[in-house]
Amino acid sequence: MCRVALAATALRPTVAAALADSEQATHRVRDALSAAGVSDQNAATSTVTVQAEEDYMVQHGPRLVGYRAEHSLEVVLRDLAAAGRVIGDAVAAGGEAVRLRGVSFAVEDDAELRAQARAAAWADALRAGEQLARLAGGALGAVRSVTETHAGDGRGPVPMAARAAGLAEIGLEPGDIDVGIALAVVWELG
């Protein structure tokens, strides 16, 4: 699956105008996503903000430029073959108001992959522990503690940024997604 961060933004002279324009762009984006089969729960609002925008370049202190409203969406797309087209259509529907903040890829249900990674990490830890115990002139004793951390979970952002209208499709290549487990094991030395 891929996660897409989109935002509809508008800078206008009043709060009401900024909110109205940002919401209109958000509705156009949601309509495009809906037409592509994306459910409302997979196009959830992540943030809505309104803030004053000021120009600090003038010599007499800050000058109010207007108000910026932004409505951000977290979109989940499960059909990777169609994801580039769906993202392109959504960005195009929102027009110049839309910002594509990022795309990241993940394995939706990685429980089995994590179990395999955990077994491999345990075998590595056991091999290393036995070798170190032999080098120290002893034998591996009972386990005192085990700490697990997730390594390379594949959820980091894929470098991508776009501000575009009229794109038919955005070329996406998810590549490999790493699922890993790192173990820190403390044994008694016998």
Protein backbone atom coordinates (compact mmCIF):
# COMPACT_ATOMS: atom_id res chain seq x y z
CA MET A 1 0.00 0.00 0.00
CA CYS A 2 1.07 3.60 -0.22
CA ARG A 3 0.31 6.58 1.96
CA VAL A 4 -0.06 9.95 0.29
CA ALA A 5 0.05 13.30 2.07
CA LEU A 6 -1.89 16.01 0.22
CA ALA A 7 -2.77 19.54 1.29
CA ALA A 8 -5.11 22.15 -0.17
CA THR A 9 -3.92 25.62 0.72
CA ALA A 10 -5.20 29.13 0.06
CA LEU A 11 -3.82 32.57 0.92
CA ARG A 12 -6.59 35.18 0.95
CA PRO A 13 -7.25 38.59 2.55
CA THR A 14 -9.75 37.17 5.07
CA VAL A 15 -9.99 34.03 7.15
CA ALA A 16 -13.40 33.21 5.64
CA ALA A 17 -12.11 33.50 2.06
CA ALA A 18 -9.00 31.44 2.81
CA LEU A 19 -11.06 28.68 4.45
CA ALA A 20 -13.66 28.68 1.68
CA ASP A 21 -11.08 28.37 -1.10
CA SER A 22 -9.06 25.72 0.71
CA GLU A 23 -12.22 23.71 1.36
CA GLN A 24 -13.33 24.00 -2.28
CA ALA A 25 -9.99 22.58 -3.41
CA THR A 26 -10.25 19.82 -0.77
CA HIS A 27 -13.71 18.88 -2.07
CA ARG A 28 -12.39 18.65 -5.63
CA VAL A 29 -9.54 16.41 -4.44
CA ARG A 30 -11.97 14.22 -2.45
CA ASP A 31 -14.28 13.96 -5.49
CA ALA A 32 -11.36 12.77 -7.65
CA LEU A 33 -10.33 10.24 -5.00
CA SER A 34 -13.91 9.02 -4.63
CA ALA A 35 -14.23 8.62 -8.42
CA ALA A 36 -11.12 6.42 -8.27
CA GLY A 37 -12.76 4.21 -5.63
CA VAL A 38 -10.97 5.60 -2.56
CA SER A 39 -13.26 5.45 0.48
CA ASP A 40 -13.73 8.41 2.83
CA GLN A 41 -11.93 6.55 5.62
CA ASN A 42 -8.92 6.14 3.31
CA ALA A 43 -8.85 9.88 2.60
CA ALA A 44 -8.91 11.20 6.14
CA THR A 45 -8.28 14.74 7.31
CA SER A 46 -4.97 14.92 9.15
CA THR A 47 -4.91 18.66 9.95
CA VAL A 48 -6.77 21.88 9.26
CA THR A 49 -4.97 25.13 10.02
CA VAL A 50 -5.53 28.84 9.55
CA GLN A 51 -2.80 31.35 10.30
CA ALA A 52 -1.91 34.92 9.55
CA GLU A 53 0.78 35.37 6.94
CA GLU A 54 2.99 38.40 7.38
CA ASP A 55 5.72 40.08 5.36
CA TYR A 56 8.74 40.82 7.55
CA MET A 57 10.76 42.48 4.80
CA VAL A 58 9.36 45.98 5.28
CA GLN A 59 11.32 48.44 7.45
CA HIS A 60 8.40 49.40 9.68
CA GLY A 61 7.67 45.98 11.16
CA PRO A 62 5.57 43.10 9.94
CA ARG A 63 2.78 43.73 7.45
CA LEU A 64 -0.23 41.42 7.24
CA VAL A 65 -0.34 39.80 3.80
CA GLY A 66 -3.45 37.71 4.46
CA TYR A 67 -4.55 34.44 5.98
CA ARG A 68 -3.44 30.99 4.91
CA ALA A 69 -5.83 28.09 5.36
CA GLU A 70 -4.64 24.55 4.83
CA HIS A 71 -6.57 21.28 4.85
CA SER A 72 -4.27 18.23 4.85
CA LEU A 73 -5.34 14.72 3.90
CA GLU A 74 -3.72 11.36 4.63
CA VAL A 75 -4.70 9.08 1.76
CA VAL A 76 -4.20 5.31 1.72
CA LEU A 77 -4.04 3.64 -1.69
CA ARG A 78 -3.97 -0.14 -1.88
CA ASP A 79 -3.89 -0.55 -5.67
CA LEU A 80 -0.25 0.31 -6.41
CA ALA A 81 -0.74 -0.16 -10.15
CA ALA A 82 -3.29 2.68 -10.17
CA ALA A 83 -1.70 4.85 -7.45
CA GLY A 84 0.23 7.15 -9.81
CA ARG A 85 -2.88 7.89 -11.87
CA VAL A 86 -5.05 8.40 -8.77
CA ILE A 87 -2.52 10.82 -7.24
CA GLY A 88 -2.16 12.70 -10.53
CA ASP A 89 -5.93 13.00 -10.91
CA ALA A 90 -6.34 14.22 -7.31
CA VAL A 91 -3.60 16.83 -7.65
CA ALA A 92 -4.98 18.00 -11.00
CA ALA A 93 -8.52 18.23 -9.58
CA GLY A 94 -7.34 20.49 -6.77
CA GLY A 95 -5.38 22.71 -9.14
CA GLU A 96 -2.79 25.23 -8.00
CA ALA A 97 -4.08 25.04 -4.42
CA VAL A 98 -2.88 21.45 -3.92
CA ARG A 99 0.51 20.42 -2.58
CA LEU A 100 1.75 16.85 -2.75
CA ARG A 101 3.67 16.57 0.52
CA GLY A 102 4.92 13.03 0.09
CA VAL A 103 4.37 9.39 -0.77
CA SER A 104 5.54 6.46 1.33
CA PHE A 105 5.13 2.74 0.95
CA ALA A 106 4.43 0.04 3.53
CA VAL A 107 3.42 -3.56 3.86
CA GLU A 108 -0.14 -3.53 5.16
CA ASP A 109 0.02 -6.77 7.16
CA ASP A 110 3.63 -7.52 7.99
CA ALA A 111 3.05 -9.86 10.96
CA GLU A 112 4.40 -12.94 9.15
CA LEU A 113 7.38 -11.02 7.77
CA ARG A 114 8.17 -9.71 11.27
CA ALA A 115 7.94 -13.26 12.69
CA GLN A 116 10.43 -14.46 10.07
CA ALA A 117 12.73 -11.51 10.77
CA ARG A 118 12.48 -12.16 14.52
CA ALA A 119 13.45 -15.85 14.05
CA ALA A 120 16.43 -14.84 11.91
CA ALA A 121 17.49 -12.18 14.44
CA TRP A 122 17.28 -14.75 17.28
CA ALA A 123 19.44 -17.23 15.32
CA ASP A 124 22.02 -14.47 14.70
CA ALA A 125 22.00 -13.41 18.37
CA LEU A 126 22.37 -17.02 19.54
CA ARG A 127 25.27 -17.68 17.13
CA ALA A 128 27.05 -14.51 18.24
CA GLY A 129 26.37 -15.19 21.93
CA GLU A 130 27.76 -18.74 21.70
CA GLN A 131 30.87 -17.52 19.89
CA LEU A 132 31.49 -14.75 22.43
CA ALA A 133 30.98 -17.14 25.34
CA ARG A 134 33.54 -19.57 23.81
CA LEU A 135 36.00 -16.72 23.26
CA ALA A 136 35.56 -15.76 26.92
CA GLY A 137 36.29 -19.35 27.95
CA GLY A 138 32.78 -20.14 29.14
CA ALA A 139 29.43 -21.37 27.96
CA LEU A 140 26.23 -19.55 27.22
CA GLY A 141 23.91 -19.47 30.22
CA ALA A 142 20.29 -18.46 30.74
CA VAL A 143 18.79 -15.46 28.98
CA ARG A 144 18.59 -12.44 31.32
CA SER A 145 16.77 -10.07 28.96
CA VAL A 146 15.69 -9.59 25.36
CA THR A 147 15.00 -6.21 23.78
CA GLU A 148 13.42 -5.99 20.35
CA THR A 149 13.54 -3.01 18.01
CA HIS A 150 12.07 -2.72 14.56
CA ALA A 151 14.74 -2.12 11.96
CA GLY A 152 14.04 -0.89 8.44
CA ASP A 153 10.27 -0.88 8.70
CA GLY A 154 9.88 0.62 5.23
CA ARG A 155 7.67 3.47 6.36
CA GLY A 156 10.06 6.30 5.70
CA PRO A 157 9.16 8.78 3.00
CA VAL A 158 10.17 8.17 -0.56
CA PRO A 159 11.79 11.39 -1.80
CA MET A 160 9.09 12.98 -3.88
CA ALA A 161 7.58 16.42 -3.99
CA ALA A 162 5.31 17.92 -6.59
CA ARG A 163 3.27 20.98 -7.14
CA ALA A 164 1.45 20.31 -10.35
CA ALA A 165 -1.86 20.70 -12.05
CA GLY A 166 -2.95 18.75 -15.09
CA LEU A 167 -0.75 15.73 -14.43
CA ALA A 168 -2.22 12.62 -15.95
CA GLU A 169 -0.12 10.31 -13.80
CA ILE A 170 2.77 10.43 -11.39
CA GLY A 171 5.34 7.70 -11.98
CA LEU A 172 5.71 5.66 -8.80
CA GLU A 173 8.11 2.81 -8.20
CA PRO A 174 7.75 1.38 -4.69
CA GLY A 175 10.95 -0.67 -4.84
CA ASP A 176 11.73 -3.03 -2.00
CA ILE A 177 10.34 -2.61 1.48
CA ASP A 178 12.51 -3.87 4.30
CA VAL A 179 10.94 -5.49 7.33
CA GLY A 180 13.48 -6.19 10.01
CA ILE A 181 13.89 -6.94 13.69
CA ALA A 182 16.97 -6.24 15.80
CA LEU A 183 17.43 -8.07 19.08
CA ALA A 184 19.65 -7.18 22.01
CA VAL A 185 20.00 -10.32 24.16
CA VAL A 186 21.77 -10.50 27.53
CA TRP A 187 22.86 -13.98 28.64
CA GLU A 188 24.45 -15.24 31.78
CA LEU A 189 27.95 -16.60 31.20
CA GLY A 190 28.45 -20.11 32.51
